[in-house]
Amino acid sequence: MGRGNRSAIATLVDRASRYLHLVHLPLNHGAEAVRDGLISLLGGIPEAGRLTLTWDQGSEMALHNQIAPLLREGVFFAHPGSPWQRGTNENTNGLLRQYFPKRTDLSVHTPADLQAVEERLNHRPRKILRWQTPAEVFNLALTSCTQSPLRRSRGSASGRILTSPRDDHEAAPTGDPHR
């Protein structure tokens, strides 16, 4: 979230590969804008890369039921006040803060600026990936027919730049009474 909570960048980060997508939300980060941005982005990702989306409890996902059909297992919500459920998210946020410091106007960044940051981070070798890049791992998984579909994590435009991974035991599915 940018200065005065007026601008935002939604992020999607793949939990397995750490592959990052950024969604440009310069003027509006309400539920409709987030839905439209995510639907546009998810439509360009192969089905094998769209298993689940995990979000926090923000109002920007009020239209999650319209995003869920694009995901094989639907939309999940992390438990409130449980940042450990979003470890990949928190790490990615730290990396993104190098490019988008807190309390700055995020609306000044163009889609091309966001694409440049995606490219840098997706082509940066990671120790957790045995020094492969997120792009290498993501593309290999998509082309491998023996690998299970990658899990998608969610991006948030609710007040922070966030991505949230999903572990089967970590997040409550849509409609869960513990949500």
Protein backbone atom coordinates (compact mmCIF):
# COMPACT_ATOMS: atom_id res chain seq x y z
CA MET A 1 0.00 0.00 0.00
CA GLY A 2 1.32 3.40 -0.90
CA ARG A 3 1.30 6.74 0.87
CA GLY A 4 -1.99 7.46 2.60
CA ASN A 5 -3.35 4.07 1.50
CA ARG A 6 -4.28 5.62 -1.86
CA SER A 7 -2.24 3.39 -4.14
CA ALA A 8 -1.29 -0.26 -4.16
CA ILE A 9 0.44 -3.06 -6.00
CA ALA A 10 -1.13 -6.50 -5.79
CA THR A 11 1.31 -9.39 -5.86
CA LEU A 12 1.06 -13.05 -6.72
CA VAL A 13 4.01 -15.23 -5.84
CA ASP A 14 4.27 -18.92 -6.54
CA ARG A 15 5.11 -20.74 -3.35
CA ALA A 16 7.14 -23.52 -4.95
CA SER A 17 9.22 -21.48 -7.39
CA ARG A 18 9.03 -17.98 -5.85
CA TYR A 19 7.96 -16.71 -9.30
CA LEU A 20 6.45 -13.24 -8.93
CA HIS A 21 3.68 -11.35 -10.72
CA LEU A 22 2.80 -7.76 -9.88
CA VAL A 23 -0.61 -6.21 -10.59
CA HIS A 24 -0.72 -2.48 -11.27
CA LEU A 25 -3.39 -0.78 -9.10
CA PRO A 26 -2.42 2.91 -9.29
CA LEU A 27 -5.71 4.61 -8.43
CA ASN A 28 -8.07 2.08 -6.93
CA HIS A 29 -7.51 -1.01 -4.83
CA GLY A 30 -11.12 -1.81 -4.08
CA ALA A 31 -12.65 -5.24 -4.61
CA GLU A 32 -13.61 -4.55 -8.23
CA ALA A 33 -10.17 -3.29 -9.25
CA VAL A 34 -8.41 -6.18 -7.52
CA ARG A 35 -10.81 -8.70 -9.09
CA ASP A 36 -10.28 -7.24 -12.56
CA GLY A 37 -6.50 -7.15 -12.15
CA LEU A 38 -6.29 -10.71 -10.85
CA ILE A 39 -8.64 -12.11 -13.50
CA SER A 40 -6.59 -10.44 -16.22
CA LEU A 41 -3.34 -11.78 -14.79
CA LEU A 42 -4.59 -15.29 -14.02
CA GLY A 43 -6.04 -15.61 -17.51
CA GLY A 44 -2.48 -15.40 -18.85
CA ILE A 45 -1.06 -18.09 -16.54
CA PRO A 46 -1.29 -21.70 -17.73
CA GLU A 47 -3.84 -23.79 -15.83
CA ALA A 48 -1.07 -25.90 -14.28
CA GLY A 49 0.13 -22.76 -12.50
CA ARG A 50 -3.28 -21.88 -11.05
CA LEU A 51 -4.13 -24.27 -8.24
CA THR A 52 -5.08 -22.00 -5.33
CA LEU A 53 -4.98 -18.40 -4.25
CA THR A 54 -4.56 -17.52 -0.59
CA TRP A 55 -5.52 -14.10 0.69
CA ASP A 56 -5.72 -12.42 4.06
CA GLN A 57 -8.96 -11.10 5.49
CA GLY A 58 -8.96 -7.78 3.58
CA SER A 59 -12.07 -6.33 1.96
CA GLU A 60 -10.28 -6.20 -1.40
CA MET A 61 -11.14 -9.89 -1.83
CA ALA A 62 -14.88 -9.39 -1.30
CA LEU A 63 -15.39 -10.67 -4.86
CA HIS A 64 -13.28 -13.81 -4.38
CA ASN A 65 -16.12 -15.96 -5.68
CA GLN A 66 -15.59 -14.40 -9.12
CA ILE A 67 -11.88 -15.26 -9.09
CA ALA A 68 -12.25 -18.80 -7.74
CA PRO A 69 -13.40 -20.38 -11.06
CA LEU A 70 -9.96 -19.63 -12.52
CA LEU A 71 -8.30 -21.76 -9.85
CA ARG A 72 -8.56 -25.51 -9.64
CA GLU A 73 -8.96 -25.55 -5.84
CA GLY A 74 -10.35 -22.06 -5.32
CA VAL A 75 -9.60 -19.17 -2.98
CA PHE A 76 -8.45 -19.65 0.60
CA PHE A 77 -8.02 -17.15 3.41
CA ALA A 78 -5.16 -17.06 5.90
CA HIS A 79 -6.14 -16.93 9.54
CA PRO A 80 -6.17 -13.37 10.97
CA GLY A 81 -2.97 -12.34 12.73
CA SER A 82 -1.01 -15.33 11.43
CA PRO A 83 1.90 -13.98 9.37
CA TRP A 84 3.76 -17.30 9.68
CA GLN A 85 1.16 -18.70 7.27
CA ARG A 86 2.62 -16.35 4.64
CA GLY A 87 6.37 -16.98 4.91
CA THR A 88 6.96 -16.69 1.18
CA ASN A 89 4.82 -13.57 1.27
CA GLU A 90 6.86 -11.94 3.99
CA ASN A 91 10.16 -12.73 2.27
CA THR A 92 8.90 -11.38 -1.04
CA ASN A 93 7.66 -8.21 0.66
CA GLY A 94 11.17 -7.60 1.93
CA LEU A 95 12.58 -7.99 -1.56
CA LEU A 96 9.92 -5.68 -3.00
CA ARG A 97 10.63 -2.97 -0.42
CA GLN A 98 14.03 -2.50 -2.10
CA TYR A 99 12.10 -1.14 -5.08
CA PHE A 100 8.94 0.20 -3.43
CA PRO A 101 9.75 1.69 0.00
CA LYS A 102 7.01 2.04 2.61
CA ARG A 103 5.01 5.28 2.66
CA THR A 104 5.75 6.14 -0.97
CA ASP A 105 3.23 6.87 -3.71
CA LEU A 106 2.98 3.60 -5.64
CA SER A 107 0.86 5.21 -8.36
CA VAL A 108 3.98 6.80 -9.86
CA HIS A 109 5.16 3.36 -11.00
CA THR A 110 4.04 2.34 -14.47
CA PRO A 111 3.21 -1.19 -15.60
CA ALA A 112 6.63 -1.16 -17.31
CA ASP A 113 8.27 -0.33 -13.96
CA LEU A 114 6.50 -3.26 -12.33
CA GLN A 115 7.50 -5.55 -15.20
CA ALA A 116 11.15 -4.53 -14.75
CA VAL A 117 11.01 -5.41 -11.02
CA GLU A 118 9.34 -8.75 -11.83
CA GLU A 119 12.09 -9.53 -14.33
CA ARG A 120 14.85 -8.70 -11.86
CA LEU A 121 13.40 -10.79 -9.06
CA ASN A 122 12.33 -13.69 -11.29
CA HIS A 123 15.85 -13.92 -12.72
CA ARG A 124 17.67 -13.60 -9.40
CA PRO A 125 19.15 -16.93 -8.24
CA ARG A 126 17.86 -18.07 -4.84
CA LYS A 127 19.59 -20.29 -2.32
CA ILE A 128 16.27 -21.97 -1.45
CA LEU A 129 15.99 -22.97 -5.14
CA ARG A 130 19.51 -24.45 -5.18
CA TRP A 131 20.74 -21.30 -6.91
CA GLN A 132 18.26 -21.58 -9.74
CA THR A 133 16.09 -18.60 -10.62
CA PRO A 134 12.34 -18.49 -9.98
CA ALA A 135 11.82 -18.28 -13.75
CA GLU A 136 13.81 -21.47 -14.32
CA VAL A 137 11.96 -23.40 -11.62
CA PHE A 138 8.52 -22.11 -12.65
CA ASN A 139 9.04 -22.84 -16.35
CA LEU A 140 10.47 -26.28 -15.65
CA ALA A 141 7.47 -27.16 -13.49
CA LEU A 142 5.04 -25.97 -16.14
CA THR A 143 6.68 -28.03 -18.87
CA SER A 144 7.03 -31.17 -16.76
CA CYS A 145 4.04 -33.46 -17.01
CA THR A 146 5.17 -35.46 -13.98
CA GLN A 147 5.18 -32.51 -11.60
CA SER A 148 2.05 -31.59 -9.68
CA PRO A 149 0.51 -28.20 -10.41
CA LEU A 150 2.18 -25.27 -8.72
CA ARG A 151 0.45 -23.53 -5.92
CA ARG A 152 -0.37 -19.90 -6.44
CA SER A 153 -0.32 -17.47 -3.64
CA ARG A 154 -2.19 -14.26 -3.39
CA GLY A 155 -1.38 -10.62 -3.61
CA SER A 156 -2.95 -7.97 -1.47
CA ALA A 157 -3.84 -4.38 -2.14
CA SER A 158 -5.45 -3.86 1.24
CA GLY A 159 -2.81 -1.80 2.97
CA ARG A 160 0.38 -3.68 2.41
CA ILE A 161 2.20 -5.32 -0.43
CA LEU A 162 1.55 -8.96 0.37
CA THR A 163 1.64 -12.41 -1.11
CA SER A 164 0.45 -15.39 0.83
CA PRO A 165 1.42 -19.00 0.31
CA ARG A 166 -0.99 -21.77 1.16
CA ASP A 167 -0.19 -24.87 3.12
CA ASP A 168 -2.96 -27.42 3.42
CA HIS A 169 -2.97 -27.00 7.21
CA GLU A 170 -2.54 -23.25 7.25
CA ALA A 171 -5.46 -21.54 5.59
CA ALA A 172 -9.18 -21.93 5.86
CA PRO A 173 -11.07 -22.54 2.61
CA THR A 174 -13.85 -20.22 1.50
CA GLY A 175 -16.91 -20.84 3.62
CA ASP A 176 -14.97 -22.42 6.48
CA PRO A 177 -16.43 -21.34 9.82
CA HIS A 178 -12.91 -20.68 11.14
CA ARG A 179 -12.25 -18.13 8.39
